[in-house]
Amino acid sequence: MSVLGVTLTYNLSMTTHIDNIITSCARVLYGLHTLRSHGMLPPALHAVFQSTALAKVTYASPAWWGFTNATDRNRLEAFIRRAVRHGYCAHTTPTLSSLCDKADNIITNSTHCLHILLPPKVEKHYSTRPRGHCYQLPRKTSALEEINLFYRLLYRDILSFNSVD
């Protein structure tokens, strides 16, 4: 089943989705090869690669990246390495795992669509032990809120942000 461009299977394996991404991006690489043979300059090729292939690879990555296994991640990283080797992508492009992890973090990514829904920051005027975050945690009033996606993401990101610092 395909939901908003992400292919889901009965066992939540992302292998089929990764196959679709790599197949689609291989077509983009062929198009870039054609553009280069017609004289397109490398900076323009990099811009086209960023806006087409890399956008396809990272599309909705917060929804599916956590369900990928090491084989799927290696296949995607191999595609990026192949694009770098052929000159369609700059050597300074960050790894795919760092791009997906950055897109998935609500706290540090101010462009994340859920960033505006973060609770207000708490300013303390007294000396207490240091905290890993400065957000006022929302109170859970029912079991229904515990299964809410936003609350699960919020608590996960705040706790992981807390453990990083």
N, C-alpha and C. Protein backbone atom coordinates (compact mmCIF):
# COMPACT_ATOMS: atom_id res chain seq x y z
N MET A 1 0.85 -1.16 0.00
CA MET A 1 0.00 0.00 0.00
C MET A 1 0.90 1.23 0.00
N SER A 2 0.54 2.19 -0.82
CA SER A 2 1.31 3.42 -0.89
C SER A 2 0.51 4.55 -0.24
N VAL A 3 1.12 5.16 0.77
CA VAL A 3 0.48 6.26 1.50
C VAL A 3 1.36 7.49 1.35
N LEU A 4 0.85 8.49 0.63
CA LEU A 4 1.57 9.74 0.38
C LEU A 4 2.97 9.50 -0.16
N GLY A 5 3.11 8.51 -1.03
CA GLY A 5 4.38 8.22 -1.67
C GLY A 5 5.28 7.28 -0.90
N VAL A 6 4.88 6.84 0.27
CA VAL A 6 5.67 5.90 1.06
C VAL A 6 5.00 4.53 0.94
N THR A 7 5.75 3.54 0.46
CA THR A 7 5.20 2.21 0.27
C THR A 7 5.29 1.43 1.57
N LEU A 8 4.14 1.02 2.06
CA LEU A 8 4.07 0.25 3.31
C LEU A 8 3.73 -1.21 2.99
N THR A 9 4.34 -2.12 3.72
CA THR A 9 4.02 -3.54 3.58
C THR A 9 3.41 -4.04 4.88
N TYR A 10 2.93 -5.26 4.86
CA TYR A 10 2.25 -5.81 6.03
C TYR A 10 3.17 -5.95 7.24
N ASN A 11 4.46 -6.11 7.01
CA ASN A 11 5.40 -6.28 8.13
C ASN A 11 6.23 -5.02 8.41
N LEU A 12 5.82 -3.89 7.82
CA LEU A 12 6.49 -2.58 7.98
C LEU A 12 7.96 -2.61 7.55
N SER A 13 8.29 -3.48 6.61
CA SER A 13 9.62 -3.48 6.02
C SER A 13 9.66 -2.39 4.96
N MET A 14 10.73 -1.66 4.89
CA MET A 14 10.85 -0.56 3.94
C MET A 14 11.62 -0.96 2.69
N THR A 15 11.88 -2.25 2.51
CA THR A 15 12.65 -2.70 1.36
C THR A 15 11.96 -2.36 0.04
N THR A 16 10.66 -2.55 -0.03
CA THR A 16 9.91 -2.23 -1.24
C THR A 16 9.95 -0.72 -1.52
N HIS A 17 9.84 0.06 -0.47
CA HIS A 17 9.91 1.53 -0.63
C HIS A 17 11.30 1.94 -1.11
N ILE A 18 12.34 1.34 -0.56
CA ILE A 18 13.71 1.65 -0.98
C ILE A 18 13.91 1.24 -2.43
N ASP A 19 13.36 0.08 -2.83
CA ASP A 19 13.45 -0.34 -4.23
C ASP A 19 12.82 0.71 -5.15
N ASN A 20 11.65 1.21 -4.77
CA ASN A 20 10.98 2.22 -5.58
C ASN A 20 11.79 3.51 -5.65
N ILE A 21 12.38 3.91 -4.54
CA ILE A 21 13.19 5.14 -4.51
C ILE A 21 14.40 4.99 -5.42
N ILE A 22 15.11 3.88 -5.29
CA ILE A 22 16.33 3.69 -6.08
C ILE A 22 16.00 3.58 -7.57
N THR A 23 14.90 2.92 -7.91
CA THR A 23 14.49 2.83 -9.31
C THR A 23 14.18 4.20 -9.87
N SER A 24 13.44 4.99 -9.12
CA SER A 24 13.08 6.34 -9.56
C SER A 24 14.32 7.22 -9.69
N CYS A 25 15.23 7.11 -8.73
CA CYS A 25 16.44 7.94 -8.76
C CYS A 25 17.41 7.50 -9.85
N ALA A 26 17.39 6.23 -10.23
CA ALA A 26 18.22 5.77 -11.35
C ALA A 26 17.79 6.45 -12.64
N ARG A 27 16.48 6.68 -12.78
CA ARG A 27 15.99 7.41 -13.94
C ARG A 27 16.48 8.86 -13.92
N VAL A 28 16.55 9.43 -12.72
CA VAL A 28 17.05 10.80 -12.59
C VAL A 28 18.53 10.84 -12.99
N LEU A 29 19.31 9.84 -12.58
CA LEU A 29 20.72 9.81 -12.95
C LEU A 29 20.89 9.70 -14.46
N TYR A 30 20.03 8.93 -15.10
CA TYR A 30 20.09 8.85 -16.57
C TYR A 30 19.79 10.21 -17.18
N GLY A 31 18.80 10.91 -16.64
CA GLY A 31 18.50 12.25 -17.13
C GLY A 31 19.66 13.21 -16.92
N LEU A 32 20.33 13.09 -15.77
CA LEU A 32 21.50 13.94 -15.52
C LEU A 32 22.63 13.61 -16.48
N HIS A 33 22.78 12.33 -16.81
CA HIS A 33 23.79 11.93 -17.79
C HIS A 33 23.51 12.58 -19.14
N THR A 34 22.24 12.60 -19.53
CA THR A 34 21.84 13.23 -20.79
C THR A 34 22.10 14.73 -20.75
N LEU A 35 21.77 15.36 -19.63
CA LEU A 35 22.02 16.79 -19.50
C LEU A 35 23.51 17.11 -19.56
N ARG A 36 24.35 16.28 -18.95
CA ARG A 36 25.78 16.52 -18.99
C ARG A 36 26.32 16.35 -20.41
N SER A 37 25.79 15.36 -21.13
CA SER A 37 26.26 15.15 -22.51
C SER A 37 25.86 16.30 -23.42
N HIS A 38 24.83 17.04 -23.05
CA HIS A 38 24.42 18.22 -23.82
C HIS A 38 25.10 19.49 -23.35
N GLY A 39 26.02 19.39 -22.39
CA GLY A 39 26.85 20.52 -22.01
C GLY A 39 26.48 21.24 -20.72
N MET A 40 25.64 20.65 -19.88
CA MET A 40 25.30 21.32 -18.62
C MET A 40 26.52 21.31 -17.70
N LEU A 41 26.77 22.42 -17.05
CA LEU A 41 27.92 22.57 -16.17
C LEU A 41 27.72 21.85 -14.84
N PRO A 42 28.82 21.44 -14.18
CA PRO A 42 28.70 20.69 -12.90
C PRO A 42 27.91 21.40 -11.81
N PRO A 43 28.05 22.73 -11.60
CA PRO A 43 27.22 23.35 -10.55
C PRO A 43 25.71 23.21 -10.82
N ALA A 44 25.34 23.30 -12.08
CA ALA A 44 23.92 23.13 -12.43
C ALA A 44 23.50 21.68 -12.25
N LEU A 45 24.38 20.74 -12.57
CA LEU A 45 24.08 19.31 -12.35
C LEU A 45 23.87 19.04 -10.86
N HIS A 46 24.69 19.65 -10.02
CA HIS A 46 24.55 19.47 -8.57
C HIS A 46 23.21 20.01 -8.09
N ALA A 47 22.81 21.16 -8.63
CA ALA A 47 21.53 21.75 -8.22
C ALA A 47 20.36 20.88 -8.66
N VAL A 48 20.44 20.33 -9.86
CA VAL A 48 19.37 19.46 -10.34
C VAL A 48 19.32 18.18 -9.52
N PHE A 49 20.50 17.63 -9.18
CA PHE A 49 20.54 16.42 -8.36
C PHE A 49 19.93 16.68 -6.98
N GLN A 50 20.27 17.82 -6.39
CA GLN A 50 19.72 18.16 -5.06
C GLN A 50 18.21 18.29 -5.10
N SER A 51 17.70 18.92 -6.14
CA SER A 51 16.26 19.19 -6.18
C SER A 51 15.43 18.02 -6.69
N THR A 52 16.04 17.04 -7.30
CA THR A 52 15.27 15.89 -7.80
C THR A 52 15.59 14.63 -7.02
N ALA A 53 16.78 14.10 -7.20
CA ALA A 53 17.12 12.79 -6.61
C ALA A 53 17.21 12.86 -5.09
N LEU A 54 17.94 13.83 -4.56
CA LEU A 54 18.08 13.90 -3.11
C LEU A 54 16.75 14.23 -2.44
N ALA A 55 15.92 15.02 -3.10
CA ALA A 55 14.59 15.30 -2.57
C ALA A 55 13.72 14.04 -2.54
N LYS A 56 13.84 13.19 -3.57
CA LYS A 56 13.10 11.93 -3.58
C LYS A 56 13.57 11.00 -2.48
N VAL A 57 14.87 10.96 -2.26
CA VAL A 57 15.42 10.05 -1.25
C VAL A 57 15.01 10.49 0.16
N THR A 58 15.01 11.79 0.41
CA THR A 58 14.72 12.26 1.77
C THR A 58 13.25 12.59 2.00
N TYR A 59 12.40 12.42 0.97
CA TYR A 59 10.98 12.74 1.13
C TYR A 59 10.36 11.86 2.21
N ALA A 60 9.72 12.47 3.17
CA ALA A 60 9.01 11.79 4.27
C ALA A 60 9.92 10.86 5.06
N SER A 61 11.20 11.18 5.12
CA SER A 61 12.13 10.31 5.83
C SER A 61 11.82 10.14 7.32
N PRO A 62 11.25 11.14 8.01
CA PRO A 62 10.90 10.87 9.40
C PRO A 62 9.87 9.75 9.56
N ALA A 63 9.07 9.52 8.53
CA ALA A 63 8.05 8.48 8.62
C ALA A 63 8.62 7.09 8.39
N TRP A 64 9.64 6.95 7.54
CA TRP A 64 10.10 5.61 7.19
C TRP A 64 11.53 5.30 7.61
N TRP A 65 12.35 6.28 7.93
CA TRP A 65 13.77 6.03 8.21
C TRP A 65 13.97 5.09 9.40
N GLY A 66 13.15 5.19 10.41
CA GLY A 66 13.29 4.33 11.59
C GLY A 66 12.97 2.88 11.33
N PHE A 67 12.25 2.58 10.25
CA PHE A 67 11.88 1.21 9.92
C PHE A 67 12.87 0.54 8.98
N THR A 68 13.88 1.26 8.51
CA THR A 68 14.84 0.66 7.59
C THR A 68 15.84 -0.18 8.36
N ASN A 69 16.36 -1.19 7.69
CA ASN A 69 17.42 -2.00 8.29
C ASN A 69 18.76 -1.57 7.69
N ALA A 70 19.83 -2.19 8.13
CA ALA A 70 21.17 -1.79 7.71
C ALA A 70 21.37 -1.99 6.21
N THR A 71 20.78 -3.04 5.66
CA THR A 71 20.92 -3.30 4.23
C THR A 71 20.28 -2.19 3.41
N ASP A 72 19.08 -1.78 3.81
CA ASP A 72 18.39 -0.70 3.09
C ASP A 72 19.17 0.60 3.18
N ARG A 73 19.69 0.90 4.36
CA ARG A 73 20.47 2.14 4.52
C ARG A 73 21.74 2.11 3.69
N ASN A 74 22.39 0.94 3.64
CA ASN A 74 23.60 0.82 2.83
C ASN A 74 23.30 0.98 1.35
N ARG A 75 22.16 0.48 0.89
CA ARG A 75 21.78 0.65 -0.51
C ARG A 75 21.56 2.12 -0.85
N LEU A 76 20.92 2.85 0.04
CA LEU A 76 20.71 4.28 -0.20
C LEU A 76 22.03 5.05 -0.17
N GLU A 77 22.89 4.73 0.78
CA GLU A 77 24.20 5.39 0.85
C GLU A 77 25.04 5.06 -0.39
N ALA A 78 24.91 3.82 -0.90
CA ALA A 78 25.64 3.44 -2.12
C ALA A 78 25.15 4.25 -3.32
N PHE A 79 23.85 4.53 -3.37
CA PHE A 79 23.32 5.38 -4.45
C PHE A 79 23.93 6.78 -4.37
N ILE A 80 24.01 7.34 -3.17
CA ILE A 80 24.61 8.68 -3.02
C ILE A 80 26.08 8.64 -3.42
N ARG A 81 26.81 7.60 -3.01
CA ARG A 81 28.22 7.47 -3.38
C ARG A 81 28.38 7.37 -4.90
N ARG A 82 27.46 6.64 -5.55
CA ARG A 82 27.52 6.50 -7.01
C ARG A 82 27.30 7.86 -7.67
N ALA A 83 26.38 8.64 -7.15
CA ALA A 83 26.12 9.98 -7.70
C ALA A 83 27.34 10.88 -7.52
N VAL A 84 28.02 10.77 -6.39
CA VAL A 84 29.25 11.55 -6.16
C VAL A 84 30.34 11.11 -7.12
N ARG A 85 30.48 9.81 -7.30
CA ARG A 85 31.51 9.26 -8.17
C ARG A 85 31.32 9.72 -9.63
N HIS A 86 30.07 9.81 -10.07
CA HIS A 86 29.78 10.23 -11.45
C HIS A 86 29.77 11.75 -11.60
N GLY A 87 29.88 12.48 -10.49
CA GLY A 87 29.97 13.93 -10.57
C GLY A 87 28.64 14.65 -10.56
N TYR A 88 27.56 13.96 -10.20
CA TYR A 88 26.25 14.60 -10.15
C TYR A 88 25.98 15.24 -8.80
N CYS A 89 26.76 14.89 -7.83
CA CYS A 89 26.56 15.36 -6.46
C CYS A 89 27.91 15.85 -5.94
N ALA A 90 27.88 16.91 -5.15
CA ALA A 90 29.12 17.47 -4.61
C ALA A 90 29.72 16.52 -3.58
N HIS A 91 31.04 16.53 -3.46
CA HIS A 91 31.73 15.68 -2.48
C HIS A 91 31.41 16.10 -1.05
N THR A 92 30.93 17.32 -0.88
CA THR A 92 30.66 17.83 0.46
C THR A 92 29.24 17.51 0.94
N THR A 93 28.48 16.75 0.16
CA THR A 93 27.12 16.40 0.56
C THR A 93 27.17 15.54 1.81
N PRO A 94 26.40 15.88 2.85
CA PRO A 94 26.41 15.07 4.06
C PRO A 94 25.83 13.68 3.80
N THR A 95 26.11 12.77 4.70
CA THR A 95 25.59 11.42 4.54
C THR A 95 24.07 11.44 4.66
N LEU A 96 23.47 10.43 4.09
CA LEU A 96 22.02 10.34 4.12
C LEU A 96 21.51 10.13 5.54
N SER A 97 22.24 9.37 6.34
CA SER A 97 21.78 9.16 7.72
C SER A 97 21.79 10.46 8.51
N SER A 98 22.77 11.33 8.29
CA SER A 98 22.78 12.61 9.01
C SER A 98 21.65 13.52 8.52
N LEU A 99 21.34 13.49 7.21
CA LEU A 99 20.23 14.28 6.70
C LEU A 99 18.89 13.81 7.28
N CYS A 100 18.70 12.49 7.34
CA CYS A 100 17.44 11.95 7.86
C CYS A 100 17.32 12.17 9.37
N ASP A 101 18.42 12.03 10.09
CA ASP A 101 18.37 12.28 11.53
C ASP A 101 18.09 13.74 11.83
N LYS A 102 18.65 14.64 11.03
CA LYS A 102 18.40 16.06 11.23
C LYS A 102 16.93 16.39 10.94
N ALA A 103 16.39 15.78 9.90
CA ALA A 103 14.99 16.05 9.54
C ALA A 103 14.03 15.49 10.58
N ASP A 104 14.47 14.48 11.32
CA ASP A 104 13.60 13.81 12.28
C ASP A 104 13.59 14.48 13.65
N ASN A 105 14.55 15.35 13.94
CA ASN A 105 14.64 15.94 15.27
C ASN A 105 13.83 17.23 15.33
N ILE A 106 12.85 17.25 16.20
CA ILE A 106 11.95 18.41 16.31
C ILE A 106 12.64 19.58 17.00
N ILE A 107 13.44 19.32 18.00
CA ILE A 107 14.00 20.40 18.81
C ILE A 107 15.07 21.18 18.07
N THR A 108 16.02 20.50 17.46
CA THR A 108 17.14 21.22 16.84
C THR A 108 16.82 21.70 15.43
N ASN A 109 15.81 21.14 14.78
CA ASN A 109 15.46 21.53 13.42
C ASN A 109 14.32 22.54 13.48
N SER A 110 14.64 23.81 13.35
CA SER A 110 13.62 24.86 13.46
C SER A 110 12.69 24.89 12.26
N THR A 111 13.04 24.21 11.16
CA THR A 111 12.17 24.17 10.00
C THR A 111 11.22 22.97 10.03
N HIS A 112 11.31 22.14 11.06
CA HIS A 112 10.43 20.98 11.18
C HIS A 112 8.99 21.48 11.35
N CYS A 113 8.04 20.79 10.71
CA CYS A 113 6.66 21.26 10.74
C CYS A 113 6.05 21.19 12.14
N LEU A 114 6.59 20.37 13.03
CA LEU A 114 6.07 20.27 14.40
C LEU A 114 6.80 21.18 15.39
N HIS A 115 7.83 21.88 14.93
CA HIS A 115 8.63 22.72 15.83
C HIS A 115 7.77 23.81 16.49
N ILE A 116 6.82 24.35 15.76
CA ILE A 116 5.99 25.42 16.31
C ILE A 116 5.04 24.89 17.39
N LEU A 117 4.85 23.59 17.46
CA LEU A 117 3.95 23.01 18.45
C LEU A 117 4.66 22.63 19.75
N LEU A 118 5.96 22.92 19.83
CA LEU A 118 6.69 22.63 21.07
C LEU A 118 6.10 23.44 22.23
N PRO A 119 6.16 22.90 23.42
CA PRO A 119 5.64 23.67 24.55
C PRO A 119 6.51 24.89 24.81
N PRO A 120 6.01 25.82 25.58
CA PRO A 120 6.79 27.04 25.84
C PRO A 120 8.05 26.73 26.65
N LYS A 121 9.04 27.58 26.46
CA LYS A 121 10.27 27.44 27.22
C LYS A 121 10.06 28.01 28.61
N VAL A 122 10.70 27.39 29.58
CA VAL A 122 10.59 27.81 30.97
C VAL A 122 11.86 28.55 31.34
N GLU A 123 11.69 29.75 31.85
CA GLU A 123 12.84 30.51 32.34
C GLU A 123 12.85 30.42 33.86
N LYS A 124 13.94 29.86 34.38
CA LYS A 124 14.05 29.71 35.83
C LYS A 124 14.94 30.81 36.38
N HIS A 125 14.47 31.41 37.44
CA HIS A 125 15.21 32.52 38.04
C HIS A 125 15.91 32.09 39.33
N TYR A 126 16.05 30.81 39.50
CA TYR A 126 16.71 30.30 40.68
C TYR A 126 17.68 29.20 40.26
N SER A 127 18.59 28.87 41.14
CA SER A 127 19.64 27.92 40.81
C SER A 127 19.21 26.50 41.16
N THR A 128 19.05 25.68 40.14
CA THR A 128 18.75 24.27 40.34
C THR A 128 19.71 23.46 39.49
N ARG A 129 19.58 22.17 39.57
CA ARG A 129 20.49 21.34 38.77
C ARG A 129 20.24 21.58 37.29
N PRO A 130 21.27 21.43 36.46
CA PRO A 130 21.11 21.69 35.03
C PRO A 130 20.21 20.65 34.37
N ARG A 131 19.39 21.10 33.43
CA ARG A 131 18.49 20.23 32.68
C ARG A 131 18.98 20.12 31.24
N GLY A 132 18.61 19.07 30.58
CA GLY A 132 18.98 18.88 29.19
C GLY A 132 18.12 19.68 28.23
N HIS A 133 17.02 20.19 28.70
CA HIS A 133 16.14 20.99 27.86
C HIS A 133 15.52 22.08 28.72
N CYS A 134 14.92 23.04 28.08
CA CYS A 134 14.32 24.16 28.80
C CYS A 134 12.84 24.27 28.50
N TYR A 135 12.19 23.15 28.17
CA TYR A 135 10.78 23.17 27.81
C TYR A 135 9.91 22.74 28.97
N GLN A 136 8.75 23.32 29.03
CA GLN A 136 7.75 22.92 30.02
C GLN A 136 7.03 21.70 29.46
N LEU A 137 7.16 20.57 30.12
CA LEU A 137 6.55 19.36 29.61
C LEU A 137 5.04 19.39 29.84
N PRO A 138 4.27 19.01 28.82
CA PRO A 138 2.82 19.00 29.00
C PRO A 138 2.41 17.86 29.93
N ARG A 139 1.36 18.08 30.67
CA ARG A 139 0.87 17.05 31.59
C ARG A 139 0.00 16.06 30.83
N LYS A 140 0.19 14.80 31.16
CA LYS A 140 -0.64 13.76 30.58
C LYS A 140 -1.85 13.59 31.49
N THR A 141 -3.00 13.78 30.92
CA THR A 141 -4.21 13.69 31.73
C THR A 141 -4.99 12.40 31.46
N SER A 142 -4.65 11.71 30.36
CA SER A 142 -5.37 10.47 30.08
C SER A 142 -4.45 9.51 29.34
N ALA A 143 -4.88 8.27 29.27
CA ALA A 143 -4.10 7.27 28.54
C ALA A 143 -4.12 7.54 27.05
N LEU A 144 -5.15 8.23 26.57
CA LEU A 144 -5.24 8.56 25.16
C LEU A 144 -4.09 9.49 24.74
N GLU A 145 -3.69 10.39 25.60
CA GLU A 145 -2.58 11.28 25.27
C GLU A 145 -1.25 10.53 25.21
N GLU A 146 -1.12 9.44 25.92
CA GLU A 146 0.13 8.68 25.88
C GLU A 146 0.36 8.02 24.54
N ILE A 147 -0.71 7.72 23.81
CA ILE A 147 -0.54 7.09 22.50
C ILE A 147 -0.60 8.10 21.36
N ASN A 148 -0.76 9.36 21.65
CA ASN A 148 -0.78 10.42 20.66
C ASN A 148 0.62 10.53 20.05
N LEU A 149 0.69 10.59 18.72
CA LEU A 149 1.97 10.65 18.03
C LEU A 149 2.80 11.85 18.45
N PHE A 150 2.16 13.01 18.55
CA PHE A 150 2.92 14.21 18.89
C PHE A 150 3.57 14.09 20.26
N TYR A 151 2.83 13.61 21.25
CA TYR A 151 3.40 13.47 22.58
C TYR A 151 4.54 12.45 22.60
N ARG A 152 4.37 11.36 21.86
CA ARG A 152 5.44 10.37 21.81
C ARG A 152 6.69 10.95 21.18
N LEU A 153 6.54 11.70 20.07
CA LEU A 153 7.69 12.32 19.43
C LEU A 153 8.33 13.37 20.33
N LEU A 154 7.50 14.16 20.97
CA LEU A 154 8.00 15.22 21.83
C LEU A 154 8.81 14.65 22.98
N TYR A 155 8.26 13.68 23.68
CA TYR A 155 8.98 13.09 24.80
C TYR A 155 10.23 12.36 24.34
N ARG A 156 10.16 11.69 23.19
CA ARG A 156 11.34 11.00 22.68
C ARG A 156 12.44 11.98 22.35
N ASP A 157 12.11 13.09 21.65
CA ASP A 157 13.13 14.06 21.26
C ASP A 157 13.69 14.80 22.46
N ILE A 158 12.85 15.14 23.41
CA ILE A 158 13.34 15.85 24.60
C ILE A 158 14.24 14.93 25.42
N LEU A 159 13.85 13.67 25.55
CA LEU A 159 14.68 12.75 26.32
C LEU A 159 15.98 12.45 25.59
N SER A 160 15.93 12.30 24.25
CA SER A 160 17.19 12.04 23.52
C SER A 160 18.06 13.29 23.51
N PHE A 161 17.45 14.47 23.44
CA PHE A 161 18.20 15.72 23.49
C PHE A 161 18.84 15.86 24.86
N ASN A 162 18.12 15.41 25.89
CA ASN A 162 18.62 15.46 27.26
C ASN A 162 19.83 14.55 27.43
N SER A 163 19.80 13.38 26.77
CA SER A 163 20.90 12.43 26.94
C SER A 163 22.12 12.85 26.12
N VAL A 164 21.93 13.65 25.04
CA VAL A 164 23.05 14.11 24.24
C VAL A 164 23.87 15.14 24.99
N ASP A 165 23.20 16.03 25.72
CA ASP A 165 23.90 17.11 26.44
C ASP A 165 24.54 16.62 27.67
